[in-house]
């Protein structure tokens, strides 16, 4: 299990070293969070 975590960590660090990929990942994460938040709000209004 620790080996998988280390592999994921090193891969993530390598991706974040490239500014374009880091920006893309940041925007993608922001859009996912906004999408989940809007889904929760719409679901709350229906009930």
N, C-alpha and C. Protein backbone atom coordinates (compact mmCIF):
# COMPACT_ATOMS: atom_id res chain seq x y z
N UNK A 1 0.83 -1.20 0.00
CA UNK A 1 0.00 0.00 0.00
C UNK A 1 0.87 1.26 0.00
N UNK A 2 1.94 1.22 0.77
CA UNK A 2 2.82 2.40 0.84
C UNK A 2 3.50 2.65 -0.50
N UNK A 3 3.80 1.59 -1.22
CA UNK A 3 4.41 1.74 -2.54
C UNK A 3 3.49 2.44 -3.51
N UNK A 4 2.20 2.14 -3.44
CA UNK A 4 1.22 2.80 -4.30
C UNK A 4 1.14 4.28 -3.97
N UNK A 5 1.15 4.61 -2.69
CA UNK A 5 1.09 6.01 -2.26
C UNK A 5 2.32 6.76 -2.74
N UNK A 6 3.49 6.13 -2.63
CA UNK A 6 4.73 6.78 -3.09
C UNK A 6 4.71 6.99 -4.60
N UNK A 7 4.20 6.00 -5.35
CA UNK A 7 4.11 6.14 -6.80
C UNK A 7 3.17 7.27 -7.18
N UNK A 8 2.01 7.33 -6.51
CA UNK A 8 1.05 8.40 -6.78
C UNK A 8 1.66 9.76 -6.43
N UNK A 9 2.36 9.83 -5.32
CA UNK A 9 2.99 11.08 -4.89
C UNK A 9 4.04 11.54 -5.90
N UNK A 10 4.89 10.64 -6.36
CA UNK A 10 5.93 11.04 -7.31
C UNK A 10 5.31 11.42 -8.65
N UNK A 11 4.26 10.73 -9.07
CA UNK A 11 3.59 11.08 -10.33
C UNK A 11 2.95 12.45 -10.22
N UNK A 12 2.29 12.72 -9.10
CA UNK A 12 1.64 14.01 -8.90
C UNK A 12 2.67 15.14 -8.86
N UNK A 13 3.79 14.91 -8.21
CA UNK A 13 4.83 15.94 -8.17
C UNK A 13 5.39 16.20 -9.57
N UNK A 14 5.56 15.16 -10.38
CA UNK A 14 6.08 15.33 -11.74
C UNK A 14 5.09 16.12 -12.60
N UNK A 15 3.79 15.84 -12.42
CA UNK A 15 2.77 16.55 -13.20
C UNK A 15 2.70 18.01 -12.76
N UNK A 16 2.78 18.27 -11.46
CA UNK A 16 2.66 19.64 -10.96
C UNK A 16 3.90 20.48 -11.25
N UNK A 17 5.02 19.84 -11.63
CA UNK A 17 6.20 20.60 -12.01
C UNK A 17 6.02 21.31 -13.35
N UNK A 18 5.09 20.82 -14.18
CA UNK A 18 4.81 21.45 -15.48
C UNK A 18 3.69 22.47 -15.25
N UNK A 19 3.95 23.76 -15.45
CA UNK A 19 2.95 24.79 -15.12
C UNK A 19 1.63 24.63 -15.87
N UNK A 20 1.68 24.23 -17.14
CA UNK A 20 0.44 24.10 -17.91
C UNK A 20 -0.43 22.98 -17.35
N UNK A 21 0.20 21.87 -16.99
CA UNK A 21 -0.58 20.76 -16.43
C UNK A 21 -1.11 21.10 -15.05
N UNK A 22 -0.34 21.83 -14.27
CA UNK A 22 -0.80 22.24 -12.95
C UNK A 22 -2.01 23.17 -13.08
N UNK A 23 -1.96 24.08 -14.04
CA UNK A 23 -3.09 24.98 -14.27
C UNK A 23 -4.31 24.20 -14.73
N UNK A 24 -4.12 23.24 -15.64
CA UNK A 24 -5.22 22.42 -16.12
C UNK A 24 -5.85 21.64 -14.98
N UNK A 25 -5.02 21.03 -14.14
CA UNK A 25 -5.55 20.26 -13.01
C UNK A 25 -6.29 21.16 -12.02
N UNK A 26 -5.77 22.36 -11.80
CA UNK A 26 -6.44 23.29 -10.89
C UNK A 26 -7.80 23.71 -11.42
N UNK A 27 -7.88 24.02 -12.71
CA UNK A 27 -9.16 24.41 -13.31
C UNK A 27 -10.14 23.24 -13.28
N UNK A 28 -9.65 22.04 -13.60
CA UNK A 28 -10.51 20.86 -13.60
C UNK A 28 -11.06 20.60 -12.19
N UNK A 29 -10.22 20.72 -11.20
CA UNK A 29 -10.65 20.51 -9.82
C UNK A 29 -11.68 21.56 -9.40
N UNK A 30 -11.45 22.81 -9.79
CA UNK A 30 -12.40 23.88 -9.48
C UNK A 30 -13.75 23.61 -10.13
N UNK A 31 -13.75 23.19 -11.40
CA UNK A 31 -15.01 22.89 -12.08
C UNK A 31 -15.75 21.72 -11.44
N UNK A 32 -15.01 20.72 -11.00
CA UNK A 32 -15.63 19.57 -10.32
C UNK A 32 -16.28 20.02 -9.02
N UNK A 33 -15.58 20.86 -8.24
CA UNK A 33 -16.12 21.34 -6.96
C UNK A 33 -17.36 22.18 -7.20
N UNK A 34 -17.32 23.08 -8.20
CA UNK A 34 -18.48 23.92 -8.50
C UNK A 34 -19.65 23.07 -8.97
N UNK A 35 -19.39 22.05 -9.78
CA UNK A 35 -20.44 21.15 -10.24
C UNK A 35 -21.10 20.40 -9.11
N UNK A 36 -20.31 19.89 -8.19
CA UNK A 36 -20.87 19.17 -7.04
C UNK A 36 -21.68 20.12 -6.17
N UNK A 37 -21.17 21.33 -5.95
CA UNK A 37 -21.88 22.31 -5.13
C UNK A 37 -23.22 22.68 -5.76
N UNK A 38 -23.23 22.93 -7.09
CA UNK A 38 -24.49 23.30 -7.75
C UNK A 38 -25.46 22.13 -7.75
N UNK A 39 -24.96 20.90 -7.86
CA UNK A 39 -25.83 19.73 -7.80
C UNK A 39 -26.49 19.62 -6.42
N UNK A 40 -25.72 19.89 -5.37
CA UNK A 40 -26.26 19.83 -4.01
C UNK A 40 -27.31 20.91 -3.82
N UNK A 41 -27.04 22.12 -4.33
CA UNK A 41 -28.00 23.23 -4.18
C UNK A 41 -29.29 22.92 -4.93
N UNK A 42 -29.18 22.41 -6.17
CA UNK A 42 -30.38 22.09 -6.94
C UNK A 42 -31.17 20.98 -6.28
N UNK A 43 -30.47 19.99 -5.74
CA UNK A 43 -31.16 18.88 -5.08
C UNK A 43 -31.85 19.37 -3.81
N UNK A 44 -31.22 20.32 -3.10
CA UNK A 44 -31.82 20.86 -1.88
C UNK A 44 -33.06 21.68 -2.16
N UNK A 45 -33.11 22.38 -3.29
CA UNK A 45 -34.27 23.20 -3.63
C UNK A 45 -35.46 22.33 -4.01
N UNK A 46 -35.19 21.14 -4.58
CA UNK A 46 -36.27 20.27 -5.00
C UNK A 46 -37.01 19.67 -3.81
N UNK A 47 -36.32 19.45 -2.71
CA UNK A 47 -36.93 18.79 -1.57
C UNK A 47 -37.70 19.74 -0.68
